[in-house]
Every structure is written in structure tokens, then in C-alpha cells.
Amino acid sequence: MFTGIIQEVGTVAHVERTKGLTRVAIYAPTIAFQVHPLESVAVNGVCLTVVNIRQSVLSFEMIPETQRLTTLGQVRRGDTVNLEPSLRVCDRLNGHLVLGHVDGMGTVQRRRQRASELVVDIRISNRIRGLLVPKGPVTVEGISLTVGATLTPSTFSIHIIPETLRQTTLRAWTVGHRVNIELDYVAKLLYQFVHVVKSKRQRYDVLAQLLRGVTKRNRHAELPY
């Protein structure tokens, strides 16, 4: 579990792609001395397991599913990535609860520089849009951010302070850049709960109609005696 507060921007040192597995080595001198093998690190918002640590380089392995569903499938040597070690019980929740399970990808549609902030519009699928709310939390490339007040049917905006630009890969995002998106876990639970209740209610309504029909037919049936 993570909080979406980036601890270091690492640099991809090596990528080895085989038929069923991709190994990625990331130069991360700050957090390399904070984690151990088999611990979790969020890489651009994707929860990966550290398989090896050598000096200041962390190594990870990715299965095809991870490559297909996240932007890490296109990672190349020299790319910079957002890194966050897993949360400890005693840590402060400075961002919001992040699981590192990406819900989908979005595309940077527009960047607008204002006096004290950068506004980035991100195009998303209908499935993701349905679970976003104004001023609610969202994780983009592992960064805990707030959804802007204005949403369209296919986009949402994020407002970035200068410090976030300095401490993350966000400063390098250009129009067309693909990003990982993780929705608020609480919102997903509520959405699932509401749909389960709605589905059960529909089944109960159908059953009630059937029972009413049976009762009505029995009322008008001829008695056998």
C-alpha cells in the first residue's frame, strides 16, 4: 500500500525483454538503501516486487499482463519513473490510500500554464470517468492528485503546484503522453456495493412479480373438491 507521495525519480538503467517476462533495472540511489528484496515499490503507480538490489539499482520483473495494462509496457532505457516504497504502519498518510493496481490508462490532451500552477487535461475512457468526482482523489503515474472541479464526458483536469513538477516526472509530460490511472479505492467499493444491491433488488422484484402471478392464478383456480 502507498500514499501517492513520490520519494524519488529514478532512471531506467536496463530493460531485458524475453518471451514471457520483462526485467527492468532502475537507478534509484535514495530508496535503494530503504528497501529489501521481495518488498513492494510503486513504479509510475504500478506495484512491483523488488527481486534484486545491487548498489543503487533496483531490479523488477513484469509479466505480460502488467505490460499490457500499464504504461510500463513501453518503458525504455533512459526513461525517468516515479518511485515510492510501500507504506509502513507508522507512516503518515500524506496523500491518499493507493494500492498500486492500475485501473486504466489516460492520455495527456492539453497543458495550460497559469501564473502559479500547471493545468493538465487528461483524456480517459467512459469506465474511468464514471468513478471520478470533482475534488476527489486520483492517482496519476503514482502521484496523489486532486480531480479538478470541471469534468467533461471524456476528460478531467489536474492542477499542479511547482513543487510537484520539481519532484516528479510530471514536468516531462507532453501532449499525447500516456499515463497510468488508479481510481480512489473507496469510490470503487461504493460503486460495487451499489451495483450489487441494485442487481439483488432487480432479482427480488422479478421474484416478487412471479409470486404475485402464482398467487393470482391460484386464487382463481377451481378447487379439486
C-alpha atoms as a PDB file:
ATOM      1  CA  MET A   1       0.000   0.000   0.000  1.00  0.00           C
ATOM      2  CA  PHE A   2       1.183   3.514  -0.847  1.00  0.00           C
ATOM      3  CA  THR A   3       0.135   7.150  -0.443  1.00  0.00           C
ATOM      4  CA  GLY A   4       0.980   8.665  -3.827  1.00  0.00           C
ATOM      5  CA  ILE A   5       3.788  10.835  -2.434  1.00  0.00           C
ATOM      6  CA  ILE A   6       6.765  10.301  -4.743  1.00  0.00           C
ATOM      7  CA  GLN A   7      10.017   9.677  -2.881  1.00  0.00           C
ATOM      8  CA  GLU A   8      12.386   9.671  -5.832  1.00  0.00           C
ATOM      9  CA  VAL A   9      12.514   9.979  -9.603  1.00  0.00           C
ATOM     10  CA  GLY A  10      14.545   7.021 -10.821  1.00  0.00           C
ATOM     11  CA  THR A  11      16.155   6.349 -14.191  1.00  0.00           C
ATOM     12  CA  VAL A  12      15.670   3.130 -16.142  1.00  0.00           C
ATOM     13  CA  ALA A  13      19.152   1.629 -16.487  1.00  0.00           C
ATOM     14  CA  HIS A  14      18.327  -1.584 -18.321  1.00  0.00           C
ATOM     15  CA  VAL A  15      15.364  -3.389 -19.891  1.00  0.00           C
ATOM     16  CA  GLU A  16      15.500  -7.062 -20.817  1.00  0.00           C
ATOM     17  CA  ARG A  17      12.514  -8.460 -22.653  1.00  0.00           C
ATOM     18  CA  THR A  18      12.037 -12.202 -23.020  1.00  0.00           C
ATOM     19  CA  LYS A  19       9.090 -14.170 -24.371  1.00  0.00           C
ATOM     20  CA  GLY A  20       7.143 -14.236 -21.110  1.00  0.00           C
ATOM     21  CA  LEU A  21       8.894 -11.842 -18.752  1.00  0.00           C
ATOM     22  CA  THR A  22      10.418  -8.376 -18.762  1.00  0.00           C
ATOM     23  CA  ARG A  23      13.158  -7.419 -16.321  1.00  0.00           C
ATOM     24  CA  VAL A  24      13.661  -3.746 -15.538  1.00  0.00           C
ATOM     25  CA  ALA A  25      16.593  -2.262 -13.631  1.00  0.00           C
ATOM     26  CA  ILE A  26      16.119   1.237 -12.202  1.00  0.00           C
ATOM     27  CA  TYR A  27      18.811   3.509 -10.808  1.00  0.00           C
ATOM     28  CA  ALA A  28      17.397   4.858  -7.533  1.00  0.00           C
ATOM     29  CA  PRO A  29      20.181   5.852  -5.117  1.00  0.00           C
ATOM     30  CA  THR A  30      17.817   7.277  -2.500  1.00  0.00           C
ATOM     31  CA  ILE A  31      15.348   4.449  -1.932  1.00  0.00           C
ATOM     32  CA  ALA A  32      17.753   1.628  -2.852  1.00  0.00           C
ATOM     33  CA  PHE A  33      19.005   1.787   0.724  1.00  0.00           C
ATOM     34  CA  GLN A  34      15.487   1.868   2.200  1.00  0.00           C
ATOM     35  CA  VAL A  35      14.042  -1.314   0.702  1.00  0.00           C
ATOM     36  CA  HIS A  36      14.911  -5.005   0.613  1.00  0.00           C
ATOM     37  CA  PRO A  37      14.305  -7.824  -1.883  1.00  0.00           C
ATOM     38  CA  LEU A  38      10.673  -9.040  -2.013  1.00  0.00           C
ATOM     39  CA  GLU A  39       9.377  -5.676  -0.802  1.00  0.00           C
ATOM     40  CA  SER A  40       6.993  -3.585  -2.910  1.00  0.00           C
ATOM     41  CA  VAL A  41       7.773  -0.363  -4.723  1.00  0.00           C
ATOM     42  CA  ALA A  42       5.335   1.672  -6.800  1.00  0.00           C
ATOM     43  CA  VAL A  43       6.881   2.400 -10.200  1.00  0.00           C
ATOM     44  CA  ASN A  44       4.810   5.023 -12.034  1.00  0.00           C
ATOM     45  CA  GLY A  45       1.957   3.895  -9.815  1.00  0.00           C
ATOM     46  CA  VAL A  46       2.372   0.172 -10.542  1.00  0.00           C
ATOM     47  CA  CYS A  47       3.069  -2.074  -7.559  1.00  0.00           C
ATOM     48  CA  LEU A  48       6.149  -4.154  -8.376  1.00  0.00           C
ATOM     49  CA  THR A  49       8.263  -6.511  -6.274  1.00  0.00           C
ATOM     50  CA  VAL A  50      11.962  -5.861  -5.806  1.00  0.00           C
ATOM     51  CA  VAL A  51      13.780  -9.002  -6.958  1.00  0.00           C
ATOM     52  CA  ASN A  52      17.332  -7.740  -6.618  1.00  0.00           C
ATOM     53  CA  ILE A  53      19.299  -4.775  -5.278  1.00  0.00           C
ATOM     54  CA  ARG A  54      22.813  -4.078  -6.464  1.00  0.00           C
ATOM     55  CA  GLN A  55      24.456  -0.912  -5.226  1.00  0.00           C
ATOM     56  CA  SER A  56      21.953   1.816  -6.209  1.00  0.00           C
ATOM     57  CA  VAL A  57      19.978  -0.213  -8.764  1.00  0.00           C
ATOM     58  CA  LEU A  58      16.644  -1.906  -8.077  1.00  0.00           C
ATOM     59  CA  SER A  59      15.543  -4.777 -10.311  1.00  0.00           C
ATOM     60  CA  PHE A  60      11.946  -5.769 -11.004  1.00  0.00           C
ATOM     61  CA  GLU A  61      10.150  -8.367 -13.121  1.00  0.00           C
ATOM     62  CA  MET A  62       6.924  -7.796 -15.072  1.00  0.00           C
ATOM     63  CA  ILE A  63       4.559 -10.367 -16.510  1.00  0.00           C
ATOM     64  CA  PRO A  64       2.766  -9.719 -19.843  1.00  0.00           C
ATOM     65  CA  GLU A  65      -0.425  -8.614 -18.054  1.00  0.00           C
ATOM     66  CA  THR A  66       1.405  -5.764 -16.332  1.00  0.00           C
ATOM     67  CA  GLN A  67       2.978  -4.691 -19.604  1.00  0.00           C
ATOM     68  CA  ARG A  68      -0.348  -4.782 -21.427  1.00  0.00           C
ATOM     69  CA  LEU A  69      -2.396  -2.865 -18.855  1.00  0.00           C
ATOM     70  CA  THR A  70       0.099  -0.174 -17.829  1.00  0.00           C
ATOM     71  CA  THR A  71       2.499   2.299 -19.380  1.00  0.00           C
ATOM     72  CA  LEU A  72       5.425   0.192 -18.151  1.00  0.00           C
ATOM     73  CA  GLY A  73       4.957  -1.975 -21.211  1.00  0.00           C
ATOM     74  CA  GLN A  74       6.592   0.814 -23.240  1.00  0.00           C
ATOM     75  CA  VAL A  75       9.378   1.732 -20.799  1.00  0.00           C
ATOM     76  CA  ARG A  76      12.826   2.221 -22.320  1.00  0.00           C
ATOM     77  CA  ARG A  77      16.354   2.696 -21.070  1.00  0.00           C
ATOM     78  CA  GLY A  78      16.894   6.293 -20.001  1.00  0.00           C
ATOM     79  CA  ASP A  79      13.232   6.904 -19.114  1.00  0.00           C
ATOM     80  CA  THR A  80      12.528   8.528 -15.764  1.00  0.00           C
ATOM     81  CA  VAL A  81       9.964   6.955 -13.428  1.00  0.00           C
ATOM     82  CA  ASN A  82       8.188   7.946 -10.222  1.00  0.00           C
ATOM     83  CA  LEU A  83       9.129   5.760  -7.261  1.00  0.00           C
ATOM     84  CA  GLU A  84       7.533   5.228  -3.862  1.00  0.00           C
ATOM     85  CA  PRO A  85       8.390   2.480  -1.338  1.00  0.00           C
ATOM     86  CA  SER A  86       5.477   0.698   0.304  1.00  0.00           C
ATOM     87  CA  LEU A  87       3.807   2.316   3.284  1.00  0.00           C
ATOM     88  CA  ARG A  88       4.814   1.393   6.828  1.00  0.00           C
ATOM     89  CA  VAL A  89       2.231   1.227   9.616  1.00  0.00           C
ATOM     90  CA  CYS A  90       3.883   4.135  11.420  1.00  0.00           C
ATOM     91  CA  ASP A  91       3.987   6.403   8.337  1.00  0.00           C
ATOM     92  CA  ARG A  92       1.767   9.432   7.859  1.00  0.00           C
ATOM     93  CA  LEU A  93      -0.945   9.326   5.198  1.00  0.00           C
ATOM     94  CA  ASN A  94       0.167  12.471   3.388  1.00  0.00           C
ATOM     95  CA  GLY A  95      -1.626  11.679   0.126  1.00  0.00           C
ATOM     96  CA  HIS A  96      -4.411   9.086  -0.022  1.00  0.00           C
ATOM     97  CA  LEU A  97      -4.529   5.291   0.088  1.00  0.00           C
ATOM     98  CA  VAL A  98      -3.054   3.869  -3.112  1.00  0.00           C
ATOM     99  CA  LEU A  99      -2.819   0.153  -3.888  1.00  0.00           C
ATOM    100  CA  GLY A 100      -0.646   0.254  -6.978  1.00  0.00           C
ATOM    101  CA  HIS A 101      -3.299  -1.567  -9.015  1.00  0.00           C
ATOM    102  CA  VAL A 102      -3.794   0.477 -12.165  1.00  0.00           C
ATOM    103  CA  ASP A 103      -7.395   0.800 -13.378  1.00  0.00           C
ATOM    104  CA  GLY A 104      -6.556   2.066 -16.831  1.00  0.00           C
ATOM    105  CA  MET A 105      -4.506   4.475 -18.883  1.00  0.00           C
ATOM    106  CA  GLY A 106      -5.165   8.031 -19.949  1.00  0.00           C
ATOM    107  CA  THR A 107      -3.623  10.407 -22.472  1.00  0.00           C
ATOM    108  CA  VAL A 108      -2.451  13.976 -21.848  1.00  0.00           C
ATOM    109  CA  GLN A 109      -4.668  16.129 -24.039  1.00  0.00           C
ATOM    110  CA  ARG A 110      -3.636  19.667 -23.078  1.00  0.00           C
ATOM    111  CA  ARG A 111      -1.217  21.599 -20.845  1.00  0.00           C
ATOM    112  CA  ARG A 112      -2.007  25.143 -19.695  1.00  0.00           C
ATOM    113  CA  GLN A 113       0.497  27.169 -17.717  1.00  0.00           C
ATOM    114  CA  ARG A 114      -1.042  29.686 -15.365  1.00  0.00           C
ATOM    115  CA  ALA A 115       0.586  32.189 -13.050  1.00  0.00           C
ATOM    116  CA  SER A 116       1.186  29.750 -10.186  1.00  0.00           C
ATOM    117  CA  GLU A 117       0.103  26.359 -11.497  1.00  0.00           C
ATOM    118  CA  LEU A 118       0.087  23.989 -14.420  1.00  0.00           C
ATOM    119  CA  VAL A 119      -3.289  22.609 -15.514  1.00  0.00           C
ATOM    120  CA  VAL A 120      -3.200  19.282 -17.336  1.00  0.00           C
ATOM    121  CA  ASP A 121      -6.224  17.799 -19.105  1.00  0.00           C
ATOM    122  CA  ILE A 122      -6.245  14.003 -19.403  1.00  0.00           C
ATOM    123  CA  ARG A 123      -8.452  12.014 -21.770  1.00  0.00           C
ATOM    124  CA  ILE A 124      -9.904   8.838 -20.265  1.00  0.00           C
ATOM    125  CA  SER A 125     -12.342   6.020 -21.009  1.00  0.00           C
ATOM    126  CA  ASN A 126     -16.005   6.119 -20.004  1.00  0.00           C
ATOM    127  CA  ARG A 127     -15.374   3.427 -17.400  1.00  0.00           C
ATOM    128  CA  ILE A 128     -12.823   5.540 -15.566  1.00  0.00           C
ATOM    129  CA  ARG A 129     -14.786   8.769 -15.987  1.00  0.00           C
ATOM    130  CA  GLY A 130     -17.794   7.253 -14.222  1.00  0.00           C
ATOM    131  CA  LEU A 131     -15.858   6.923 -10.966  1.00  0.00           C
ATOM    132  CA  LEU A 132     -14.271  10.364 -10.877  1.00  0.00           C
ATOM    133  CA  VAL A 133     -15.784  13.170  -8.834  1.00  0.00           C
ATOM    134  CA  PRO A 134     -14.749  16.835  -8.596  1.00  0.00           C
ATOM    135  CA  LYS A 135     -12.272  17.435  -5.755  1.00  0.00           C
ATOM    136  CA  GLY A 136     -11.879  13.683  -5.264  1.00  0.00           C
ATOM    137  CA  PRO A 137      -8.535  11.860  -5.146  1.00  0.00           C
ATOM    138  CA  VAL A 138      -6.952  10.205  -8.161  1.00  0.00           C
ATOM    139  CA  THR A 139      -3.530   8.652  -8.736  1.00  0.00           C
ATOM    140  CA  VAL A 140      -1.777   9.535 -11.995  1.00  0.00           C
ATOM    141  CA  GLU A 141       1.591   7.866 -12.676  1.00  0.00           C
ATOM    142  CA  GLY A 142       1.795   7.123  -8.966  1.00  0.00           C
ATOM    143  CA  ILE A 143       1.198  10.747  -7.924  1.00  0.00           C
ATOM    144  CA  SER A 144      -1.628  11.501  -5.488  1.00  0.00           C
ATOM    145  CA  LEU A 145      -3.607  14.318  -7.113  1.00  0.00           C
ATOM    146  CA  THR A 146      -6.984  16.025  -6.856  1.00  0.00           C
ATOM    147  CA  VAL A 147      -9.556  15.941  -9.647  1.00  0.00           C
ATOM    148  CA  GLY A 148     -10.333  19.437 -10.888  1.00  0.00           C
ATOM    149  CA  ALA A 149     -13.764  20.972 -10.427  1.00  0.00           C
ATOM    150  CA  THR A 150     -14.651  20.794 -14.126  1.00  0.00           C
ATOM    151  CA  LEU A 151     -15.025  17.405 -15.795  1.00  0.00           C
ATOM    152  CA  THR A 152     -16.167  16.644 -19.324  1.00  0.00           C
ATOM    153  CA  PRO A 153     -17.634  13.329 -20.529  1.00  0.00           C
ATOM    154  CA  SER A 154     -14.165  12.210 -21.639  1.00  0.00           C
ATOM    155  CA  THR A 155     -11.589  14.289 -19.721  1.00  0.00           C
ATOM    156  CA  PHE A 156     -10.614  15.506 -16.286  1.00  0.00           C
ATOM    157  CA  SER A 157      -8.090  18.097 -15.205  1.00  0.00           C
ATOM    158  CA  ILE A 158      -5.395  18.206 -12.540  1.00  0.00           C
ATOM    159  CA  HIS A 159      -3.829  21.355 -11.106  1.00  0.00           C
ATOM    160  CA  ILE A 160      -0.124  21.071 -10.376  1.00  0.00           C
ATOM    161  CA  ILE A 161       1.905  23.228  -7.999  1.00  0.00           C
ATOM    162  CA  PRO A 162       5.554  23.975  -8.895  1.00  0.00           C
ATOM    163  CA  GLU A 163       6.929  21.648  -6.182  1.00  0.00           C
ATOM    164  CA  THR A 164       5.102  18.649  -7.664  1.00  0.00           C
ATOM    165  CA  LEU A 165       6.630  19.483 -11.035  1.00  0.00           C
ATOM    166  CA  ARG A 166      10.097  19.559  -9.493  1.00  0.00           C
ATOM    167  CA  GLN A 167       9.724  16.298  -7.552  1.00  0.00           C
ATOM    168  CA  THR A 168       8.047  14.059 -10.180  1.00  0.00           C
ATOM    169  CA  THR A 169       8.160  13.115 -13.851  1.00  0.00           C
ATOM    170  CA  LEU A 170       5.151  15.328 -14.491  1.00  0.00           C
ATOM    171  CA  ARG A 171       7.351  18.136 -15.777  1.00  0.00           C
ATOM    172  CA  ALA A 172       8.230  15.985 -18.804  1.00  0.00           C
ATOM    173  CA  TRP A 173       4.668  15.084 -19.798  1.00  0.00           C
ATOM    174  CA  THR A 174       3.782  16.349 -23.249  1.00  0.00           C
ATOM    175  CA  VAL A 175       0.562  16.195 -25.247  1.00  0.00           C
ATOM    176  CA  GLY A 176      -0.029  12.564 -26.213  1.00  0.00           C
ATOM    177  CA  HIS A 177       1.878  11.186 -23.226  1.00  0.00           C
ATOM    178  CA  ARG A 178       0.258   8.049 -21.776  1.00  0.00           C
ATOM    179  CA  VAL A 179      -0.280   7.831 -18.015  1.00  0.00           C
ATOM    180  CA  ASN A 180      -1.361   5.186 -15.509  1.00  0.00           C
ATOM    181  CA  ILE A 181      -4.522   5.958 -13.564  1.00  0.00           C
ATOM    182  CA  GLU A 182      -5.701   4.409 -10.322  1.00  0.00           C
ATOM    183  CA  LEU A 183      -9.111   5.403  -9.012  1.00  0.00           C
ATOM    184  CA  ASP A 184      -9.967   6.004  -5.388  1.00  0.00           C
ATOM    185  CA  TYR A 185     -10.396   2.608  -3.715  1.00  0.00           C
ATOM    186  CA  VAL A 186     -13.289   3.810  -1.532  1.00  0.00           C
ATOM    187  CA  ALA A 187     -15.148   5.029  -4.624  1.00  0.00           C
ATOM    188  CA  LYS A 188     -14.668   1.642  -6.293  1.00  0.00           C
ATOM    189  CA  LEU A 189     -16.010  -0.195  -3.243  1.00  0.00           C
ATOM    190  CA  LEU A 190     -19.087   2.041  -3.075  1.00  0.00           C
ATOM    191  CA  TYR A 191     -19.695   1.621  -6.801  1.00  0.00           C
ATOM    192  CA  GLN A 192     -19.523  -2.162  -6.490  1.00  0.00           C
ATOM    193  CA  PHE A 193     -21.781  -2.164  -3.427  1.00  0.00           C
ATOM    194  CA  VAL A 194     -24.432  -0.037  -5.120  1.00  0.00           C
ATOM    195  CA  HIS A 195     -24.449  -2.242  -8.218  1.00  0.00           C
ATOM    196  CA  VAL A 196     -24.674  -5.436  -6.153  1.00  0.00           C
ATOM    197  CA  VAL A 197     -27.602  -4.016  -4.190  1.00  0.00           C
ATOM    198  CA  LYS A 198     -29.264  -2.841  -7.395  1.00  0.00           C
ATOM    199  CA  SER A 199     -28.772  -6.247  -9.017  1.00  0.00           C
ATOM    200  CA  LYS A 200     -30.203  -8.047  -5.984  1.00  0.00           C
ATOM    201  CA  ARG A 201     -33.143  -5.659  -5.875  1.00  0.00           C
ATOM    202  CA  GLN A 202     -33.908  -6.382  -9.519  1.00  0.00           C
ATOM    203  CA  ARG A 203     -33.823 -10.116  -8.825  1.00  0.00           C
ATOM    204  CA  TYR A 204     -36.103  -9.620  -5.815  1.00  0.00           C
ATOM    205  CA  ASP A 205     -38.516  -7.568  -7.938  1.00  0.00           C
ATOM    206  CA  VAL A 206     -38.681 -10.323 -10.572  1.00  0.00           C
ATOM    207  CA  LEU A 207     -39.260 -12.950  -7.880  1.00  0.00           C
ATOM    208  CA  ALA A 208     -41.982 -10.830  -6.275  1.00  0.00           C
ATOM    209  CA  GLN A 209     -43.742 -10.458  -9.625  1.00  0.00           C
ATOM    210  CA  LEU A 210     -43.608 -14.201 -10.180  1.00  0.00           C
ATOM    211  CA  LEU A 211     -45.032 -14.872  -6.732  1.00  0.00           C
ATOM    212  CA  ARG A 212     -47.811 -12.366  -7.258  1.00  0.00           C
ATOM    213  CA  GLY A 213     -48.646 -14.054 -10.563  1.00  0.00           C
ATOM    214  CA  VAL A 214     -48.721 -17.520  -8.947  1.00  0.00           C
ATOM    215  CA  THR A 215     -50.890 -16.238  -6.103  1.00  0.00           C
ATOM    216  CA  LYS A 216     -53.295 -14.626  -8.537  1.00  0.00           C
ATOM    217  CA  ARG A 217     -53.620 -17.791 -10.645  1.00  0.00           C
ATOM    218  CA  ASN A 218     -54.169 -19.939  -7.548  1.00  0.00           C
ATOM    219  CA  ARG A 219     -56.888 -17.605  -6.327  1.00  0.00           C
ATOM    220  CA  HIS A 220     -58.912 -18.137  -9.498  1.00  0.00           C
ATOM    221  CA  ALA A 221     -58.203 -21.850  -9.925  1.00  0.00           C
ATOM    222  CA  GLU A 222     -61.051 -24.348  -9.417  1.00  0.00           C
ATOM    223  CA  LEU A 223     -60.904 -26.285  -6.187  1.00  0.00           C
ATOM    224  CA  PRO A 224     -60.438 -30.080  -6.641  1.00  0.00           C
ATOM    225  CA  TYR A 225     -63.339 -30.886  -4.263  1.00  0.00           C
END
